[in-house]
Structure formats: structure tokens, C-alpha cells
PDB file of N, CA and C in Angstrom:
ATOM      1  N   UNK A   1    -139.418  28.367  23.352  1.00  0.00           N
ATOM      2  CA  UNK A   1    -138.748  29.351  22.527  1.00  0.00           C
ATOM      3  C   UNK A   1    -137.419  29.705  23.188  1.00  0.00           C
ATOM      4  N   UNK A   2    -136.389  29.754  22.376  1.00  0.00           N
ATOM      5  CA  UNK A   2    -135.087  30.238  22.824  1.00  0.00           C
ATOM      6  C   UNK A   2    -134.834  31.564  22.138  1.00  0.00           C
ATOM      7  N   UNK A   3    -134.213  32.480  22.870  1.00  0.00           N
ATOM      8  CA  UNK A   3    -133.997  33.825  22.338  1.00  0.00           C
ATOM      9  C   UNK A   3    -132.648  34.329  22.836  1.00  0.00           C
ATOM     10  N   UNK A   4    -131.844  34.824  21.897  1.00  0.00           N
ATOM     11  CA  UNK A   4    -130.542  35.380  22.241  1.00  0.00           C
ATOM     12  C   UNK A   4    -130.401  36.749  21.608  1.00  0.00           C
ATOM     13  N   UNK A   5    -129.745  37.671  22.321  1.00  0.00           N
ATOM     14  CA  UNK A   5    -129.432  38.995  21.792  1.00  0.00           C
ATOM     15  C   UNK A   5    -127.926  39.069  21.592  1.00  0.00           C
ATOM     16  N   UNK A   6    -127.539  39.432  20.393  1.00  0.00           N
ATOM     17  CA  UNK A   6    -126.120  39.563  20.062  1.00  0.00           C
ATOM     18  C   UNK A   6    -125.926  40.711  19.085  1.00  0.00           C
ATOM     19  N   UNK A   7    -125.048  41.632  19.422  1.00  0.00           N
ATOM     20  CA  UNK A   7    -124.611  42.701  18.506  1.00  0.00           C
ATOM     21  C   UNK A   7    -125.775  43.403  17.808  1.00  0.00           C
ATOM     22  N   UNK A   8    -126.804  43.743  18.552  1.00  0.00           N
ATOM     23  CA  UNK A   8    -127.940  44.467  18.001  1.00  0.00           C
ATOM     24  C   UNK A   8    -128.966  43.619  17.279  1.00  0.00           C
ATOM     25  N   UNK A   9    -128.767  42.299  17.255  1.00  0.00           N
ATOM     26  CA  UNK A   9    -129.711  41.403  16.593  1.00  0.00           C
ATOM     27  C   UNK A   9    -130.348  40.476  17.619  1.00  0.00           C
ATOM     28  N   UNK A  10    -131.509  39.975  17.286  1.00  0.00           N
ATOM     29  CA  UNK A  10    -132.203  39.006  18.126  1.00  0.00           C
ATOM     30  C   UNK A  10    -132.328  37.721  17.320  1.00  0.00           C
ATOM     31  N   UNK A  11    -131.910  36.621  17.921  1.00  0.00           N
ATOM     32  CA  UNK A  11    -131.981  35.320  17.275  1.00  0.00           C
ATOM     33  C   UNK A  11    -133.002  34.494  18.045  1.00  0.00           C
ATOM     34  N   UNK A  12    -134.005  33.993  17.330  1.00  0.00           N
ATOM     35  CA  UNK A  12    -135.109  33.270  17.971  1.00  0.00           C
ATOM     36  C   UNK A  12    -135.230  31.877  17.364  1.00  0.00           C
ATOM     37  N   UNK A  13    -135.371  30.889  18.244  1.00  0.00           N
ATOM     38  CA  UNK A  13    -135.662  29.523  17.817  1.00  0.00           C
ATOM     39  C   UNK A  13    -136.955  29.108  18.503  1.00  0.00           C
ATOM     40  N   UNK A  14    -137.998  28.879  17.709  1.00  0.00           N
ATOM     41  CA  UNK A  14    -139.269  28.427  18.249  1.00  0.00           C
ATOM     42  C   UNK A  14    -139.215  26.921  18.442  1.00  0.00           C
ATOM     43  N   UNK A  15    -139.512  26.457  19.639  1.00  0.00           N
ATOM     44  CA  UNK A  15    -139.367  25.049  19.990  1.00  0.00           C
ATOM     45  C   UNK A  15    -140.234  24.131  19.121  1.00  0.00           C
ATOM     46  N   UNK A  16    -141.456  24.520  18.832  1.00  0.00           N
ATOM     47  CA  UNK A  16    -142.361  23.643  18.091  1.00  0.00           C
ATOM     48  C   UNK A  16    -142.693  24.200  16.710  1.00  0.00           C
ATOM     49  N   UNK A  17    -141.757  24.919  16.110  1.00  0.00           N
ATOM     50  CA  UNK A  17    -141.943  25.455  14.766  1.00  0.00           C
ATOM     51  C   UNK A  17    -141.776  24.317  13.754  1.00  0.00           C
ATOM     52  N   UNK A  18    -142.085  24.592  12.514  1.00  0.00           N
ATOM     53  CA  UNK A  18    -142.006  23.585  11.450  1.00  0.00           C
ATOM     54  C   UNK A  18    -140.562  23.162  11.180  1.00  0.00           C
ATOM     55  N   UNK A  19    -140.409  22.001  10.550  1.00  0.00           N
ATOM     56  CA  UNK A  19    -139.106  21.502  10.133  1.00  0.00           C
ATOM     57  C   UNK A  19    -138.672  22.272   8.900  1.00  0.00           C
ATOM     58  N   UNK A  20    -137.434  22.411   8.579  1.00  0.00           N
ATOM     59  CA  UNK A  20    -136.277  21.965   9.343  1.00  0.00           C
ATOM     60  C   UNK A  20    -136.032  22.873  10.542  1.00  0.00           C
ATOM     61  N   UNK A  21    -135.203  22.400  11.479  1.00  0.00           N
ATOM     62  CA  UNK A  21    -134.858  23.225  12.640  1.00  0.00           C
ATOM     63  C   UNK A  21    -134.129  24.475  12.155  1.00  0.00           C
ATOM     64  N   UNK A  22    -134.613  25.612  12.591  1.00  0.00           N
ATOM     65  CA  UNK A  22    -134.068  26.869  12.094  1.00  0.00           C
ATOM     66  C   UNK A  22    -134.212  27.971  13.137  1.00  0.00           C
ATOM     67  N   UNK A  23    -133.554  29.096  12.859  1.00  0.00           N
ATOM     68  CA  UNK A  23    -133.679  30.277  13.699  1.00  0.00           C
ATOM     69  C   UNK A  23    -134.143  31.447  12.833  1.00  0.00           C
ATOM     70  N   UNK A  24    -134.800  32.390  13.483  1.00  0.00           N
ATOM     71  CA  UNK A  24    -135.212  33.636  12.864  1.00  0.00           C
ATOM     72  C   UNK A  24    -134.285  34.718  13.406  1.00  0.00           C
ATOM     73  N   UNK A  25    -133.733  35.529  12.520  1.00  0.00           N
ATOM     74  CA  UNK A  25    -132.833  36.593  12.939  1.00  0.00           C
ATOM     75  C   UNK A  25    -133.546  37.908  12.693  1.00  0.00           C
ATOM     76  N   UNK A  26    -133.683  38.672  13.772  1.00  0.00           N
ATOM     77  CA  UNK A  26    -134.473  39.895  13.750  1.00  0.00           C
ATOM     78  C   UNK A  26    -133.594  41.111  14.026  1.00  0.00           C
ATOM     79  N   UNK A  27    -133.942  42.215  13.402  1.00  0.00           N
ATOM     80  CA  UNK A  27    -133.369  43.516  13.739  1.00  0.00           C
ATOM     81  C   UNK A  27    -134.565  44.393  14.078  1.00  0.00           C
ATOM     82  N   UNK A  28    -134.718  44.670  15.361  1.00  0.00           N
ATOM     83  CA  UNK A  28    -135.939  45.317  15.816  1.00  0.00           C
ATOM     84  C   UNK A  28    -137.089  44.340  15.674  1.00  0.00           C
ATOM     85  N   UNK A  29    -138.145  44.754  15.008  1.00  0.00           N
ATOM     86  CA  UNK A  29    -139.294  43.878  14.798  1.00  0.00           C
ATOM     87  C   UNK A  29    -139.312  43.260  13.403  1.00  0.00           C
ATOM     88  N   UNK A  30    -138.265  43.514  12.638  1.00  0.00           N
ATOM     89  CA  UNK A  30    -138.207  43.028  11.254  1.00  0.00           C
ATOM     90  C   UNK A  30    -137.304  41.800  11.144  1.00  0.00           C
ATOM     91  N   UNK A  31    -137.840  40.741  10.523  1.00  0.00           N
ATOM     92  CA  UNK A  31    -137.027  39.555  10.274  1.00  0.00           C
ATOM     93  C   UNK A  31    -136.116  39.835   9.088  1.00  0.00           C
ATOM     94  N   UNK A  32    -134.808  39.655   9.308  1.00  0.00           N
ATOM     95  CA  UNK A  32    -133.865  39.907   8.226  1.00  0.00           C
ATOM     96  C   UNK A  32    -133.305  38.621   7.622  1.00  0.00           C
ATOM     97  N   UNK A  33    -133.452  37.512   8.347  1.00  0.00           N
ATOM     98  CA  UNK A  33    -132.965  36.245   7.819  1.00  0.00           C
ATOM     99  C   UNK A  33    -133.607  35.080   8.555  1.00  0.00           C
ATOM    100  N   UNK A  34    -133.767  33.970   7.835  1.00  0.00           N
ATOM    101  CA  UNK A  34    -134.185  32.707   8.431  1.00  0.00           C
ATOM    102  C   UNK A  34    -133.113  31.702   8.028  1.00  0.00           C
ATOM    103  N   UNK A  35    -132.650  30.906   9.003  1.00  0.00           N
ATOM    104  CA  UNK A  35    -131.471  30.079   8.785  1.00  0.00           C
ATOM    105  C   UNK A  35    -131.670  28.665   9.302  1.00  0.00           C
ATOM    106  N   UNK A  36    -131.445  27.681   8.426  1.00  0.00           N
ATOM    107  CA  UNK A  36    -131.519  26.259   8.772  1.00  0.00           C
ATOM    108  C   UNK A  36    -130.165  25.866   9.346  1.00  0.00           C
ATOM    109  N   UNK A  37    -130.120  25.640  10.662  1.00  0.00           N
ATOM    110  CA  UNK A  37    -128.823  25.358  11.275  1.00  0.00           C
ATOM    111  C   UNK A  37    -128.452  23.878  11.222  1.00  0.00           C
ATOM    112  N   UNK A  38    -129.333  23.022  10.716  1.00  0.00           N
ATOM    113  CA  UNK A  38    -128.955  21.616  10.511  1.00  0.00           C
ATOM    114  C   UNK A  38    -128.094  21.470   9.254  1.00  0.00           C
ATOM    115  N   UNK A  39    -128.479  22.157   8.185  1.00  0.00           N
ATOM    116  CA  UNK A  39    -127.739  22.072   6.920  1.00  0.00           C
ATOM    117  C   UNK A  39    -126.846  23.287   6.694  1.00  0.00           C
ATOM    118  N   UNK A  40    -126.957  24.269   7.590  1.00  0.00           N
ATOM    119  CA  UNK A  40    -126.176  25.511   7.516  1.00  0.00           C
ATOM    120  C   UNK A  40    -126.494  26.257   6.220  1.00  0.00           C
ATOM    121  N   UNK A  41    -127.805  26.343   5.897  1.00  0.00           N
ATOM    122  CA  UNK A  41    -128.280  27.005   4.691  1.00  0.00           C
ATOM    123  C   UNK A  41    -129.200  28.171   5.037  1.00  0.00           C
ATOM    124  N   UNK A  42    -129.090  29.242   4.271  1.00  0.00           N
ATOM    125  CA  UNK A  42    -129.992  30.382   4.410  1.00  0.00           C
ATOM    126  C   UNK A  42    -131.328  30.005   3.795  1.00  0.00           C
ATOM    127  N   UNK A  43    -132.403  30.191   4.552  1.00  0.00           N
ATOM    128  CA  UNK A  43    -133.750  29.896   4.051  1.00  0.00           C
ATOM    129  C   UNK A  43    -134.380  31.130   3.427  1.00  0.00           C
ATOM    130  N   UNK A  44    -134.089  32.296   3.988  1.00  0.00           N
ATOM    131  CA  UNK A  44    -134.538  33.559   3.418  1.00  0.00           C
ATOM    132  C   UNK A  44    -133.638  34.666   3.948  1.00  0.00           C
ATOM    133  N   UNK A  45    -133.535  35.739   3.194  1.00  0.00           N
ATOM    134  CA  UNK A  45    -132.678  36.842   3.592  1.00  0.00           C
ATOM    135  C   UNK A  45    -131.255  36.645   3.085  1.00  0.00           C
ATOM    136  N   UNK A  46    -130.317  37.369   3.689  1.00  0.00           N
ATOM    137  CA  UNK A  46    -128.940  37.358   3.235  1.00  0.00           C
ATOM    138  C   UNK A  46    -127.988  37.188   4.414  1.00  0.00           C
ATOM    139  N   UNK A  47    -127.027  36.280   4.251  1.00  0.00           N
ATOM    140  CA  UNK A  47    -126.003  36.055   5.272  1.00  0.00           C
ATOM    141  C   UNK A  47    -124.981  37.185   5.205  1.00  0.00           C
ATOM    142  N   UNK A  48    -124.662  37.751   6.348  1.00  0.00           N
ATOM    143  CA  UNK A  48    -123.591  38.742   6.439  1.00  0.00           C
ATOM    144  C   UNK A  48    -122.486  38.169   7.316  1.00  0.00           C
ATOM    145  N   UNK A  49    -121.334  38.795   7.287  1.00  0.00           N
ATOM    146  CA  UNK A  49    -120.222  38.352   8.140  1.00  0.00           C
ATOM    147  C   UNK A  49    -120.614  38.416   9.612  1.00  0.00           C
ATOM    148  N   UNK A  50    -121.327  39.468   9.973  1.00  0.00           N
ATOM    149  CA  UNK A  50    -121.766  39.657  11.358  1.00  0.00           C
ATOM    150  C   UNK A  50    -122.692  38.524  11.798  1.00  0.00           C
ATOM    151  N   UNK A  51    -123.668  38.194  10.964  1.00  0.00           N
ATOM    152  CA  UNK A  51    -124.616  37.127  11.299  1.00  0.00           C
ATOM    153  C   UNK A  51    -123.893  35.785  11.354  1.00  0.00           C
ATOM    154  N   UNK A  52    -123.015  35.530  10.394  1.00  0.00           N
ATOM    155  CA  UNK A  52    -122.279  34.269  10.378  1.00  0.00           C
ATOM    156  C   UNK A  52    -121.469  34.105  11.663  1.00  0.00           C
ATOM    157  N   UNK A  53    -120.817  35.171  12.096  1.00  0.00           N
ATOM    158  CA  UNK A  53    -120.019  35.121  13.331  1.00  0.00           C
ATOM    159  C   UNK A  53    -120.906  34.803  14.535  1.00  0.00           C
ATOM    160  N   UNK A  54    -122.065  35.430  14.606  1.00  0.00           N
ATOM    161  CA  UNK A  54    -122.997  35.182  15.712  1.00  0.00           C
ATOM    162  C   UNK A  54    -123.466  33.726  15.699  1.00  0.00           C
ATOM    163  N   UNK A  55    -123.834  33.217  14.521  1.00  0.00           N
ATOM    164  CA  UNK A  55    -124.302  31.831  14.418  1.00  0.00           C
ATOM    165  C   UNK A  55    -123.202  30.841  14.803  1.00  0.00           C
ATOM    166  N   UNK A  56    -121.972  31.111  14.390  1.00  0.00           N
ATOM    167  CA  UNK A  56    -120.854  30.248  14.765  1.00  0.00           C
ATOM    168  C   UNK A  56    -120.637  30.256  16.276  1.00  0.00           C
ATOM    169  N   UNK A  57    -120.761  31.438  16.891  1.00  0.00           N
ATOM    170  CA  UNK A  57    -120.621  31.541  18.353  1.00  0.00           C
ATOM    171  C   UNK A  57    -121.712  30.722  19.058  1.00  0.00           C
ATOM    172  N   UNK A  58    -122.943  30.838  18.583  1.00  0.00           N
ATOM    173  CA  UNK A  58    -124.044  30.081  19.189  1.00  0.00           C
ATOM    174  C   UNK A  58    -123.828  28.578  19.035  1.00  0.00           C
ATOM    175  N   UNK A  59    -123.317  28.164  17.879  1.00  0.00           N
ATOM    176  CA  UNK A  59    -123.039  26.746  17.657  1.00  0.00           C
ATOM    177  C   UNK A  59    -121.922  26.262  18.591  1.00  0.00           C
ATOM    178  N   UNK A  60    -120.873  27.051  18.728  1.00  0.00           N
ATOM    179  CA  UNK A  60    -119.764  26.683  19.619  1.00  0.00           C
ATOM    180  C   UNK A  60    -120.219  26.578  21.070  1.00  0.00           C
ATOM    181  N   UNK A  61    -121.187  27.407  21.447  1.00  0.00           N
ATOM    182  CA  UNK A  61    -121.740  27.387  22.803  1.00  0.00           C
ATOM    183  C   UNK A  61    -122.767  26.263  22.995  1.00  0.00           C
ATOM    184  N   UNK A  62    -123.085  25.542  21.915  1.00  0.00           N
ATOM    185  CA  UNK A  62    -124.041  24.447  21.999  1.00  0.00           C
ATOM    186  C   UNK A  62    -125.489  24.888  22.076  1.00  0.00           C
ATOM    187  N   UNK A  63    -125.776  26.109  21.655  1.00  0.00           N
ATOM    188  CA  UNK A  63    -127.135  26.619  21.750  1.00  0.00           C
ATOM    189  C   UNK A  63    -127.953  26.314  20.503  1.00  0.00           C
ATOM    190  N   UNK A  64    -127.300  26.199  19.362  1.00  0.00           N
ATOM    191  CA  UNK A  64    -128.004  25.796  18.132  1.00  0.00           C
ATOM    192  C   UNK A  64    -127.274  24.650  17.499  1.00  0.00           C
TER     193      UNK A  64
END
């Protein structure tokens, strides 16, 4: 499992979770979005500017 904290959100990638490769974005204990980072598609929830910026930063850092 990989876990990152950014701007009040927690981004989690489970190593052996189901396909497609995706991350869970949490605020506290509540999942607010699930995101497929291979196709750059929202699987559930809603993309915000804040979340998009965080995901782009993680991609630039080579983490997702």
C-alpha cells in the first residue's frame, strides 16, 4: 500500500487491489473519489481543481 497526505486529503493506492490501477482519495475516513490513473478517468466521486492538482503532482513525482 502506498499512502500520501496532501492538502488535507489522503491518497491511497493498494498494491494488490483490483484492476484497473487506481487510487482512493479520502477526506478523514470518508472516500470522496476513486480515480483510474492509467486512463485518467474518475471511477467514482467528483474531480475538483484541488484533487486534480494533487494527482498531477503525484504523477510528476513518479508516484502514480
